[in-house]
Amino acid sequence: DKFAEWRNDIFFCGHNDGVLHHAKLNAARTALASVADVNLNGNLCQIDVETGREGALYFTSDEGIYRITN
């Protein structure tokens, strides 16, 4: 909810490179329209991504849990 422009998009961690990937789907939601990397300010996204109840995006690494709020 904190990121209206990201609603219904897909996020996934690259375990090997630690990059948080942001994928947008086509209008039919049958294929990827684009994939971009999210700047994590030097942190690594290696395990999982989840949306919190308050709408923030959380990601995890071997170092801990991080929150993206804007």
N, C-alpha and C. Protein backbone atom coordinates (compact mmCIF):
# COMPACT_ATOMS: atom_id res chain seq x y z
N ASP A 1 0.80 -1.20 0.00
CA ASP A 1 0.00 0.00 0.00
C ASP A 1 0.85 1.27 0.00
N LYS A 2 2.06 1.20 0.50
CA LYS A 2 2.93 2.37 0.52
C LYS A 2 3.48 2.69 -0.86
N PHE A 3 3.38 1.75 -1.79
CA PHE A 3 3.94 1.92 -3.13
C PHE A 3 2.87 1.61 -4.17
N ALA A 4 2.01 2.55 -4.43
CA ALA A 4 0.93 2.33 -5.39
C ALA A 4 1.46 1.91 -6.76
N GLU A 5 2.61 2.45 -7.16
CA GLU A 5 3.18 2.12 -8.47
C GLU A 5 3.73 0.69 -8.52
N TRP A 6 3.89 0.03 -7.38
CA TRP A 6 4.39 -1.34 -7.33
C TRP A 6 3.29 -2.37 -7.10
N ARG A 7 2.05 -1.93 -6.97
CA ARG A 7 0.94 -2.83 -6.68
C ARG A 7 0.84 -3.93 -7.75
N ASN A 8 0.72 -5.17 -7.32
CA ASN A 8 0.59 -6.36 -8.17
C ASN A 8 1.84 -6.70 -8.97
N ASP A 9 2.97 -6.08 -8.63
CA ASP A 9 4.23 -6.43 -9.28
C ASP A 9 4.87 -7.60 -8.51
N ILE A 10 5.94 -8.14 -9.08
CA ILE A 10 6.63 -9.28 -8.48
C ILE A 10 8.02 -8.83 -8.02
N PHE A 11 8.40 -9.26 -6.83
CA PHE A 11 9.73 -8.97 -6.29
C PHE A 11 10.37 -10.29 -5.88
N PHE A 12 11.66 -10.43 -6.17
CA PHE A 12 12.37 -11.63 -5.77
C PHE A 12 13.85 -11.32 -5.55
N CYS A 13 14.44 -12.06 -4.62
CA CYS A 13 15.86 -11.90 -4.29
C CYS A 13 16.71 -12.76 -5.21
N GLY A 14 17.87 -12.24 -5.57
CA GLY A 14 18.88 -13.02 -6.27
C GLY A 14 19.85 -13.57 -5.24
N HIS A 15 19.70 -14.80 -4.87
CA HIS A 15 20.52 -15.37 -3.79
C HIS A 15 22.02 -15.20 -4.06
N ASN A 16 22.44 -15.46 -5.28
CA ASN A 16 23.88 -15.40 -5.59
C ASN A 16 24.43 -13.98 -5.64
N ASP A 17 23.64 -13.04 -6.15
CA ASP A 17 24.16 -11.67 -6.29
C ASP A 17 23.60 -10.69 -5.26
N GLY A 18 22.59 -11.10 -4.47
CA GLY A 18 22.05 -10.24 -3.43
C GLY A 18 21.20 -9.09 -3.92
N VAL A 19 20.77 -9.15 -5.18
CA VAL A 19 20.00 -8.07 -5.77
C VAL A 19 18.50 -8.33 -5.59
N LEU A 20 17.76 -7.28 -5.23
CA LEU A 20 16.30 -7.34 -5.19
C LEU A 20 15.81 -6.97 -6.59
N HIS A 21 15.14 -7.90 -7.23
CA HIS A 21 14.62 -7.70 -8.59
C HIS A 21 13.15 -7.32 -8.53
N HIS A 22 12.76 -6.39 -9.38
CA HIS A 22 11.38 -5.90 -9.46
C HIS A 22 10.88 -6.17 -10.87
N ALA A 23 9.88 -7.05 -10.97
CA ALA A 23 9.34 -7.43 -12.28
C ALA A 23 7.93 -6.87 -12.46
N LYS A 24 7.68 -6.28 -13.61
CA LYS A 24 6.34 -5.83 -13.98
C LYS A 24 5.79 -6.80 -15.01
N LEU A 25 4.51 -7.12 -14.87
CA LEU A 25 3.85 -8.03 -15.79
C LEU A 25 3.16 -7.26 -16.91
N ASN A 26 2.90 -7.95 -18.01
CA ASN A 26 2.14 -7.33 -19.10
C ASN A 26 0.68 -7.19 -18.66
N ALA A 27 -0.14 -6.53 -19.46
CA ALA A 27 -1.54 -6.26 -19.10
C ALA A 27 -2.33 -7.54 -18.86
N ALA A 28 -2.02 -8.60 -19.59
CA ALA A 28 -2.73 -9.88 -19.43
C ALA A 28 -2.18 -10.69 -18.25
N ARG A 29 -1.08 -10.22 -17.67
CA ARG A 29 -0.41 -10.89 -16.54
C ARG A 29 0.04 -12.30 -16.92
N THR A 30 0.50 -12.43 -18.18
CA THR A 30 0.96 -13.74 -18.66
C THR A 30 2.45 -13.78 -18.96
N ALA A 31 3.11 -12.62 -18.91
CA ALA A 31 4.54 -12.56 -19.22
C ALA A 31 5.14 -11.32 -18.56
N LEU A 32 6.46 -11.34 -18.42
CA LEU A 32 7.16 -10.18 -17.87
C LEU A 32 7.25 -9.07 -18.90
N ALA A 33 6.92 -7.86 -18.50
CA ALA A 33 7.06 -6.70 -19.36
C ALA A 33 8.43 -6.06 -19.15
N SER A 34 8.92 -6.11 -17.89
CA SER A 34 10.24 -5.55 -17.58
C SER A 34 10.72 -6.09 -16.25
N VAL A 35 12.04 -6.05 -16.07
CA VAL A 35 12.66 -6.43 -14.80
C VAL A 35 13.74 -5.38 -14.51
N ALA A 36 13.72 -4.85 -13.30
CA ALA A 36 14.70 -3.85 -12.89
C ALA A 36 15.22 -4.22 -11.50
N ASP A 37 16.35 -3.66 -11.14
CA ASP A 37 16.92 -3.87 -9.81
C ASP A 37 16.49 -2.73 -8.89
N VAL A 38 16.28 -3.05 -7.61
CA VAL A 38 15.93 -2.05 -6.60
C VAL A 38 17.19 -1.71 -5.82
N ASN A 39 17.47 -0.42 -5.64
CA ASN A 39 18.64 0.02 -4.90
C ASN A 39 18.42 -0.27 -3.41
N LEU A 40 19.29 -1.07 -2.82
CA LEU A 40 19.17 -1.45 -1.41
C LEU A 40 20.23 -0.78 -0.55
N ASN A 41 20.88 0.24 -1.07
CA ASN A 41 21.89 1.00 -0.32
C ASN A 41 22.96 0.10 0.28
N GLY A 42 23.44 -0.86 -0.50
CA GLY A 42 24.52 -1.72 -0.05
C GLY A 42 24.09 -2.97 0.68
N ASN A 43 22.81 -3.11 1.03
CA ASN A 43 22.32 -4.32 1.68
C ASN A 43 22.06 -5.40 0.64
N LEU A 44 22.01 -6.65 1.09
CA LEU A 44 21.79 -7.77 0.19
C LEU A 44 20.42 -8.38 0.42
N CYS A 45 19.77 -8.77 -0.65
CA CYS A 45 18.49 -9.48 -0.61
C CYS A 45 18.80 -10.91 -1.05
N GLN A 46 18.89 -11.82 -0.11
CA GLN A 46 19.35 -13.17 -0.45
C GLN A 46 18.35 -14.27 -0.14
N ILE A 47 17.31 -14.00 0.65
CA ILE A 47 16.46 -15.09 1.09
C ILE A 47 15.01 -14.93 0.66
N ASP A 48 14.36 -13.86 1.08
CA ASP A 48 12.92 -13.74 0.83
C ASP A 48 12.48 -12.28 0.79
N VAL A 49 11.30 -12.06 0.20
CA VAL A 49 10.67 -10.74 0.14
C VAL A 49 9.22 -10.92 0.58
N GLU A 50 8.72 -9.96 1.36
CA GLU A 50 7.35 -10.06 1.87
C GLU A 50 6.80 -8.65 2.05
N THR A 51 5.49 -8.51 1.91
CA THR A 51 4.82 -7.25 2.20
C THR A 51 4.25 -7.30 3.60
N GLY A 52 4.54 -6.29 4.40
CA GLY A 52 4.04 -6.22 5.77
C GLY A 52 2.61 -5.72 5.81
N ARG A 53 1.95 -5.88 6.92
CA ARG A 53 0.55 -5.43 7.08
C ARG A 53 0.39 -3.94 6.85
N GLU A 54 1.43 -3.19 7.17
CA GLU A 54 1.37 -1.73 7.01
C GLU A 54 1.72 -1.28 5.61
N GLY A 55 2.05 -2.23 4.71
CA GLY A 55 2.32 -1.91 3.32
C GLY A 55 3.77 -1.77 2.95
N ALA A 56 4.68 -1.85 3.92
CA ALA A 56 6.11 -1.77 3.62
C ALA A 56 6.58 -3.09 3.00
N LEU A 57 7.66 -3.03 2.27
CA LEU A 57 8.25 -4.21 1.64
C LEU A 57 9.45 -4.63 2.48
N TYR A 58 9.49 -5.90 2.90
CA TYR A 58 10.58 -6.44 3.71
C TYR A 58 11.39 -7.42 2.88
N PHE A 59 12.69 -7.44 3.12
CA PHE A 59 13.54 -8.45 2.49
C PHE A 59 14.55 -8.93 3.51
N THR A 60 15.04 -10.14 3.30
CA THR A 60 15.96 -10.75 4.26
C THR A 60 17.25 -11.17 3.59
N SER A 61 18.29 -11.21 4.42
CA SER A 61 19.60 -11.70 3.99
C SER A 61 20.20 -12.47 5.16
N ASP A 62 21.41 -12.93 4.99
CA ASP A 62 22.11 -13.59 6.09
C ASP A 62 22.37 -12.63 7.24
N GLU A 63 22.33 -11.33 6.96
CA GLU A 63 22.63 -10.30 7.95
C GLU A 63 21.43 -9.87 8.78
N GLY A 64 20.21 -10.06 8.26
CA GLY A 64 19.03 -9.64 9.00
C GLY A 64 17.82 -9.37 8.13
N ILE A 65 16.85 -8.66 8.71
CA ILE A 65 15.62 -8.29 8.03
C ILE A 65 15.64 -6.78 7.81
N TYR A 66 15.27 -6.38 6.60
CA TYR A 66 15.28 -4.96 6.23
C TYR A 66 13.90 -4.55 5.74
N ARG A 67 13.59 -3.26 5.86
CA ARG A 67 12.29 -2.75 5.47
C ARG A 67 12.45 -1.58 4.50
N ILE A 68 11.69 -1.61 3.42
CA ILE A 68 11.64 -0.49 2.47
C ILE A 68 10.30 0.20 2.69
N THR A 69 10.34 1.47 3.02
CA THR A 69 9.11 2.21 3.27
C THR A 69 8.84 3.27 2.23
N ASN A 70 9.86 3.70 1.51
CA ASN A 70 9.72 4.68 0.42
C ASN A 70 11.05 5.07 -0.11
